[in-house]
C-alpha atoms as a PDB file:
ATOM      1  CA  MET A   1       5.687  -3.033  23.362  1.00  0.00           C
ATOM      2  CA  GLN A   2       2.324  -4.736  23.440  1.00  0.00           C
ATOM      3  CA  ILE A   3       1.157  -6.882  20.517  1.00  0.00           C
ATOM      4  CA  ARG A   4      -2.342  -5.399  20.266  1.00  0.00           C
ATOM      5  CA  ASN A   5      -3.377  -1.767  19.982  1.00  0.00           C
ATOM      6  CA  SER A   6      -4.389   0.076  23.125  1.00  0.00           C
ATOM      7  CA  SER A   7      -6.407   3.232  23.555  1.00  0.00           C
ATOM      8  CA  GLU A   8      -3.100   5.131  23.813  1.00  0.00           C
ATOM      9  CA  ARG A   9      -0.859   3.633  21.123  1.00  0.00           C
ATOM     10  CA  TYR A  10      -0.551   1.152  18.277  1.00  0.00           C
ATOM     11  CA  GLY A  11       0.658  -2.347  19.017  1.00  0.00           C
ATOM     12  CA  LEU A  12       3.569  -4.222  17.503  1.00  0.00           C
ATOM     13  CA  VAL A  13       1.476  -5.907  14.803  1.00  0.00           C
ATOM     14  CA  ALA A  14      -0.107  -2.657  13.558  1.00  0.00           C
ATOM     15  CA  VAL A  15       3.231  -0.807  13.632  1.00  0.00           C
ATOM     16  CA  THR A  16       5.061  -3.592  11.792  1.00  0.00           C
ATOM     17  CA  ILE A  17       2.385  -3.913   9.127  1.00  0.00           C
ATOM     18  CA  HIS A  18       2.198  -0.128   8.680  1.00  0.00           C
ATOM     19  CA  TRP A  19       5.918   0.214   8.000  1.00  0.00           C
ATOM     20  CA  LEU A  20       6.128  -2.937   5.849  1.00  0.00           C
ATOM     21  CA  VAL A  21       3.309  -1.593   3.679  1.00  0.00           C
ATOM     22  CA  ALA A  22       4.946   1.851   3.477  1.00  0.00           C
ATOM     23  CA  VAL A  23       8.302   0.404   2.395  1.00  0.00           C
ATOM     24  CA  ALA A  24       6.639  -1.975  -0.084  1.00  0.00           C
ATOM     25  CA  VAL A  25       4.468   0.752  -1.614  1.00  0.00           C
ATOM     26  CA  PHE A  26       7.324   3.193  -2.141  1.00  0.00           C
ATOM     27  CA  GLY A  27       9.625   0.399  -3.307  1.00  0.00           C
ATOM     28  CA  LEU A  28       7.035  -0.830  -5.802  1.00  0.00           C
ATOM     29  CA  PHE A  29       6.403   2.709  -7.007  1.00  0.00           C
ATOM     30  CA  ALA A  30      10.122   3.339  -7.551  1.00  0.00           C
ATOM     31  CA  LEU A  31      10.580  -0.027  -9.263  1.00  0.00           C
ATOM     32  CA  GLY A  32       7.531   0.541 -11.471  1.00  0.00           C
ATOM     33  CA  TYR A  33       8.638   4.050 -12.386  1.00  0.00           C
ATOM     34  CA  TRP A  34      12.100   2.762 -13.303  1.00  0.00           C
ATOM     35  CA  MET A  35      11.090  -0.397 -15.151  1.00  0.00           C
ATOM     36  CA  VAL A  36       8.679   1.187 -17.635  1.00  0.00           C
ATOM     37  CA  ASP A  37      11.656   2.683 -19.477  1.00  0.00           C
ATOM     38  CA  LEU A  38      13.608  -0.564 -19.749  1.00  0.00           C
ATOM     39  CA  THR A  39      14.274  -1.825 -23.252  1.00  0.00           C
ATOM     40  CA  TYR A  40      13.978  -5.384 -24.462  1.00  0.00           C
ATOM     41  CA  TYR A  41      17.751  -5.783 -24.365  1.00  0.00           C
ATOM     42  CA  ASP A  42      18.133  -4.583 -20.777  1.00  0.00           C
ATOM     43  CA  ASP A  43      19.117  -7.304 -18.291  1.00  0.00           C
ATOM     44  CA  TRP A  44      16.232  -6.283 -15.987  1.00  0.00           C
ATOM     45  CA  TYR A  45      13.557  -6.226 -18.738  1.00  0.00           C
ATOM     46  CA  LYS A  46      11.919  -9.448 -17.542  1.00  0.00           C
ATOM     47  CA  GLN A  47      13.224  -9.644 -13.968  1.00  0.00           C
ATOM     48  CA  ALA A  48      12.001  -6.215 -12.771  1.00  0.00           C
ATOM     49  CA  PRO A  49       8.331  -6.812 -13.703  1.00  0.00           C
ATOM     50  CA  ASP A  50       8.498 -10.304 -12.158  1.00  0.00           C
ATOM     51  CA  ILE A  51       9.768  -8.819  -8.884  1.00  0.00           C
ATOM     52  CA  HIS A  52       7.170  -6.034  -9.078  1.00  0.00           C
ATOM     53  CA  ARG A  53       4.311  -8.501  -9.578  1.00  0.00           C
ATOM     54  CA  SER A  54       5.543 -10.876  -6.863  1.00  0.00           C
ATOM     55  CA  ILE A  55       5.876  -8.145  -4.253  1.00  0.00           C
ATOM     56  CA  GLY A  56       2.499  -6.749  -5.332  1.00  0.00           C
ATOM     57  CA  ILE A  57       0.802 -10.106  -4.716  1.00  0.00           C
ATOM     58  CA  LEU A  58       2.486 -10.440  -1.315  1.00  0.00           C
ATOM     59  CA  LEU A  59       1.435  -6.873  -0.484  1.00  0.00           C
ATOM     60  CA  PHE A  60      -2.156  -7.774  -1.354  1.00  0.00           C
ATOM     61  CA  GLY A  61      -2.010 -10.604   1.181  1.00  0.00           C
ATOM     62  CA  LEU A  62      -0.457  -8.319   3.779  1.00  0.00           C
ATOM     63  CA  MET A  63      -3.178  -5.718   3.196  1.00  0.00           C
ATOM     64  CA  LEU A  64      -5.853  -8.384   3.722  1.00  0.00           C
ATOM     65  CA  VAL A  65      -4.178  -9.256   7.034  1.00  0.00           C
ATOM     66  CA  ARG A  66      -4.041  -5.550   7.860  1.00  0.00           C
ATOM     67  CA  VAL A  67      -7.760  -5.074   7.238  1.00  0.00           C
ATOM     68  CA  ILE A  68      -8.635  -8.125   9.335  1.00  0.00           C
ATOM     69  CA  TRP A  69      -6.297  -6.984  12.123  1.00  0.00           C
ATOM     70  CA  ARG A  70      -7.763  -3.491  12.019  1.00  0.00           C
ATOM     71  CA  LEU A  71     -11.321  -4.836  12.275  1.00  0.00           C
ATOM     72  CA  GLY A  72     -10.357  -6.723  15.436  1.00  0.00           C
ATOM     73  CA  ASN A  73      -8.111  -4.050  16.938  1.00  0.00           C
ATOM     74  CA  ALA A  74      -9.368  -0.501  17.161  1.00  0.00           C
ATOM     75  CA  GLY A  75      -6.686   2.133  16.877  1.00  0.00           C
ATOM     76  CA  PRO A  76      -5.784   4.526  19.665  1.00  0.00           C
ATOM     77  CA  LYS A  77      -8.232   7.267  20.544  1.00  0.00           C
ATOM     78  CA  PRO A  78      -7.491  10.682  19.028  1.00  0.00           C
ATOM     79  CA  LEU A  79      -5.401  12.874  21.275  1.00  0.00           C
ATOM     80  CA  PRO A  80      -7.377  15.551  23.157  1.00  0.00           C
ATOM     81  CA  SER A  81      -5.401  18.236  21.295  1.00  0.00           C
ATOM     82  CA  HIS A  82      -6.607  16.994  17.888  1.00  0.00           C
ATOM     83  CA  LYS A  83      -9.202  19.169  16.229  1.00  0.00           C
ATOM     84  CA  ARG A  84     -12.356  17.558  14.825  1.00  0.00           C
ATOM     85  CA  TRP A  85     -11.352  18.383  11.254  1.00  0.00           C
ATOM     86  CA  GLU A  86      -7.955  16.722  11.827  1.00  0.00           C
ATOM     87  CA  VAL A  87      -9.586  13.545  13.096  1.00  0.00           C
ATOM     88  CA  ALA A  88     -12.100  13.519  10.227  1.00  0.00           C
ATOM     89  CA  SER A  89      -9.438  14.170   7.586  1.00  0.00           C
ATOM     90  CA  ALA A  90      -7.163  11.484   9.063  1.00  0.00           C
ATOM     91  CA  HIS A  91      -9.996   8.929   8.894  1.00  0.00           C
ATOM     92  CA  ALA A  92     -10.821   9.969   5.327  1.00  0.00           C
ATOM     93  CA  ALA A  93      -7.168   9.798   4.262  1.00  0.00           C
ATOM     94  CA  HIS A  94      -6.697   6.347   5.789  1.00  0.00           C
ATOM     95  CA  GLY A  95      -9.868   5.056   4.145  1.00  0.00           C
ATOM     96  CA  LEU A  96      -8.836   6.489   0.789  1.00  0.00           C
ATOM     97  CA  LEU A  97      -5.332   5.019   1.127  1.00  0.00           C
ATOM     98  CA  TYR A  98      -6.794   1.573   1.764  1.00  0.00           C
ATOM     99  CA  LEU A  99      -9.151   1.914  -1.214  1.00  0.00           C
ATOM    100  CA  LEU A 100      -6.427   3.179  -3.539  1.00  0.00           C
ATOM    101  CA  LEU A 101      -4.048   0.409  -2.473  1.00  0.00           C
ATOM    102  CA  PHE A 102      -6.600  -2.256  -3.333  1.00  0.00           C
ATOM    103  CA  VAL A 103      -7.462  -0.524  -6.636  1.00  0.00           C
ATOM    104  CA  ALA A 104      -3.761  -0.394  -7.538  1.00  0.00           C
ATOM    105  CA  MET A 105      -3.174  -4.029  -6.624  1.00  0.00           C
ATOM    106  CA  VAL A 106      -6.255  -5.355  -8.425  1.00  0.00           C
ATOM    107  CA  SER A 107      -5.524  -3.279 -11.526  1.00  0.00           C
ATOM    108  CA  GLY A 108      -1.901  -4.481 -11.471  1.00  0.00           C
ATOM    109  CA  TYR A 109      -3.143  -8.051 -11.260  1.00  0.00           C
ATOM    110  CA  LEU A 110      -5.484  -7.431 -14.214  1.00  0.00           C
ATOM    111  CA  ILE A 111      -2.667  -5.962 -16.319  1.00  0.00           C
ATOM    112  CA  SER A 112      -0.577  -9.080 -15.769  1.00  0.00           C
ATOM    113  CA  THR A 113      -3.329 -11.646 -16.232  1.00  0.00           C
ATOM    114  CA  ALA A 114      -5.338 -10.060 -19.069  1.00  0.00           C
ATOM    115  CA  ASP A 115      -3.769 -12.508 -21.512  1.00  0.00           C
ATOM    116  CA  GLY A 116      -4.902 -15.469 -19.385  1.00  0.00           C
ATOM    117  CA  SER A 117      -1.505 -16.158 -17.839  1.00  0.00           C
ATOM    118  CA  ALA A 118      -0.850 -16.687 -14.146  1.00  0.00           C
ATOM    119  CA  ILE A 119       1.471 -14.647 -11.938  1.00  0.00           C
ATOM    120  CA  ASP A 120       4.417 -16.608 -10.576  1.00  0.00           C
ATOM    121  CA  VAL A 121       5.301 -15.314  -7.104  1.00  0.00           C
ATOM    122  CA  PHE A 122       9.066 -15.812  -6.665  1.00  0.00           C
ATOM    123  CA  GLY A 123       8.646 -19.457  -7.751  1.00  0.00           C
ATOM    124  CA  TRP A 124       6.759 -20.191  -4.507  1.00  0.00           C
ATOM    125  CA  PHE A 125       3.243 -20.350  -5.976  1.00  0.00           C
ATOM    126  CA  GLU A 126       1.173 -19.062  -8.882  1.00  0.00           C
ATOM    127  CA  VAL A 127      -1.885 -16.844  -8.866  1.00  0.00           C
ATOM    128  CA  PRO A 128      -4.073 -17.805 -11.836  1.00  0.00           C
ATOM    129  CA  SER A 129      -5.936 -15.433 -14.110  1.00  0.00           C
ATOM    130  CA  VAL A 130      -9.609 -15.105 -13.212  1.00  0.00           C
ATOM    131  CA  THR A 131     -10.483 -13.227 -16.394  1.00  0.00           C
ATOM    132  CA  GLY A 132      -9.012 -15.391 -19.118  1.00  0.00           C
ATOM    133  CA  GLN A 133      -8.102 -13.459 -22.244  1.00  0.00           C
ATOM    134  CA  ILE A 134      -9.896 -10.121 -22.495  1.00  0.00           C
ATOM    135  CA  LYS A 135      -8.783  -7.893 -25.334  1.00  0.00           C
ATOM    136  CA  GLY A 136      -7.856  -4.379 -24.209  1.00  0.00           C
ATOM    137  CA  LEU A 137      -8.147  -5.139 -20.489  1.00  0.00           C
ATOM    138  CA  GLU A 138      -4.461  -4.497 -19.889  1.00  0.00           C
ATOM    139  CA  ASP A 139      -4.788  -0.970 -21.352  1.00  0.00           C
ATOM    140  CA  THR A 140      -7.738  -0.001 -19.164  1.00  0.00           C
ATOM    141  CA  ALA A 141      -6.236  -1.654 -16.087  1.00  0.00           C
ATOM    142  CA  GLY A 142      -2.913   0.015 -16.907  1.00  0.00           C
ATOM    143  CA  MET A 143      -4.473   3.471 -16.871  1.00  0.00           C
ATOM    144  CA  VAL A 144      -6.237   2.740 -13.556  1.00  0.00           C
ATOM    145  CA  HIS A 145      -2.979   1.361 -12.126  1.00  0.00           C
ATOM    146  CA  TYR A 146      -0.986   4.384 -13.249  1.00  0.00           C
ATOM    147  CA  TRP A 147      -3.319   6.990 -11.752  1.00  0.00           C
ATOM    148  CA  SER A 148      -4.094   5.073  -8.566  1.00  0.00           C
ATOM    149  CA  THR A 149      -0.394   4.624  -7.784  1.00  0.00           C
ATOM    150  CA  TRP A 150       0.318   8.319  -8.306  1.00  0.00           C
ATOM    151  CA  ALA A 151      -2.649   9.127  -6.058  1.00  0.00           C
ATOM    152  CA  ILE A 152      -1.284   6.761  -3.378  1.00  0.00           C
ATOM    153  CA  VAL A 153       2.116   8.442  -3.417  1.00  0.00           C
ATOM    154  CA  ALA A 154       0.579  11.923  -3.287  1.00  0.00           C
ATOM    155  CA  LEU A 155      -1.790  11.000  -0.454  1.00  0.00           C
ATOM    156  CA  ALA A 156       0.989   9.199   1.439  1.00  0.00           C
ATOM    157  CA  ALA A 157       3.094  12.366   1.183  1.00  0.00           C
ATOM    158  CA  VAL A 158       0.216  14.384   2.667  1.00  0.00           C
ATOM    159  CA  HIS A 159      -0.165  11.693   5.358  1.00  0.00           C
ATOM    160  CA  ALA A 160       3.535  11.926   6.221  1.00  0.00           C
ATOM    161  CA  ALA A 161       3.399  15.732   6.219  1.00  0.00           C
ATOM    162  CA  GLY A 162       0.509  15.586   8.676  1.00  0.00           C
ATOM    163  CA  ALA A 163       2.460  13.252  10.955  1.00  0.00           C
ATOM    164  CA  LEU A 164       5.493  15.535  10.810  1.00  0.00           C
ATOM    165  CA  LYS A 165       3.293  18.581  11.516  1.00  0.00           C
ATOM    166  CA  HIS A 166       1.981  16.876  14.644  1.00  0.00           C
ATOM    167  CA  HIS A 167       5.492  15.907  15.701  1.00  0.00           C
ATOM    168  CA  LEU A 168       7.436  19.089  14.915  1.00  0.00           C
ATOM    169  CA  ILE A 169       4.861  21.858  15.246  1.00  0.00           C
ATOM    170  CA  ASP A 170       2.159  20.550  17.584  1.00  0.00           C
ATOM    171  CA  ARG A 171       4.726  18.482  19.515  1.00  0.00           C
ATOM    172  CA  ASP A 172       2.198  15.783  20.327  1.00  0.00           C
ATOM    173  CA  ASN A 173       2.490  11.980  20.350  1.00  0.00           C
ATOM    174  CA  THR A 174       0.737  11.284  17.043  1.00  0.00           C
ATOM    175  CA  LEU A 175       3.889  10.102  15.236  1.00  0.00           C
ATOM    176  CA  ARG A 176       5.427   8.429  18.280  1.00  0.00           C
ATOM    177  CA  ARG A 177       2.377   6.161  18.555  1.00  0.00           C
ATOM    178  CA  MET A 178       3.233   4.683  15.117  1.00  0.00           C
ATOM    179  CA  LEU A 179       7.005   4.567  15.583  1.00  0.00           C
ATOM    180  CA  GLY A 180       6.722   1.769  18.097  1.00  0.00           C
ATOM    181  CA  GLY A 181       8.848   3.378  20.800  1.00  0.00           C
END
């Protein structure tokens, strides 16, 4: 498999980043969904949010790499069998996924740093607060984070359904181009 994208398929870097982001997003969503119901006396009460924040910061870095890689590596051309509305909706969905991912990550960062504290990333480094203490910021950022993450999961499900439709019904190479085979 080639490293860079070609006009026919995605390269190793794009495929690897795509699947790392997908696993991280669904893992973070599941962890976030689970951890909001933890009580103070639960063993995971502090550890789960720390893991969630650390992976979220690393995902932000990976998404920056993804955007830079994408700017320097155009994706494959649409298949001749793709309809114009399919191509347009795929571009819109990808753009919206990128936007929602950054909204979710920035709002998550703001929730955690609204009190002026830094985010410790697995003990490797800290990401400082850029806002200082802003009263009520965590509530507003929390609402944005909540709805943007649900929107990501819903849109990712539509994205996956579209890929499966191309694979199972249309029987074209749309999904194979992102599987890396």
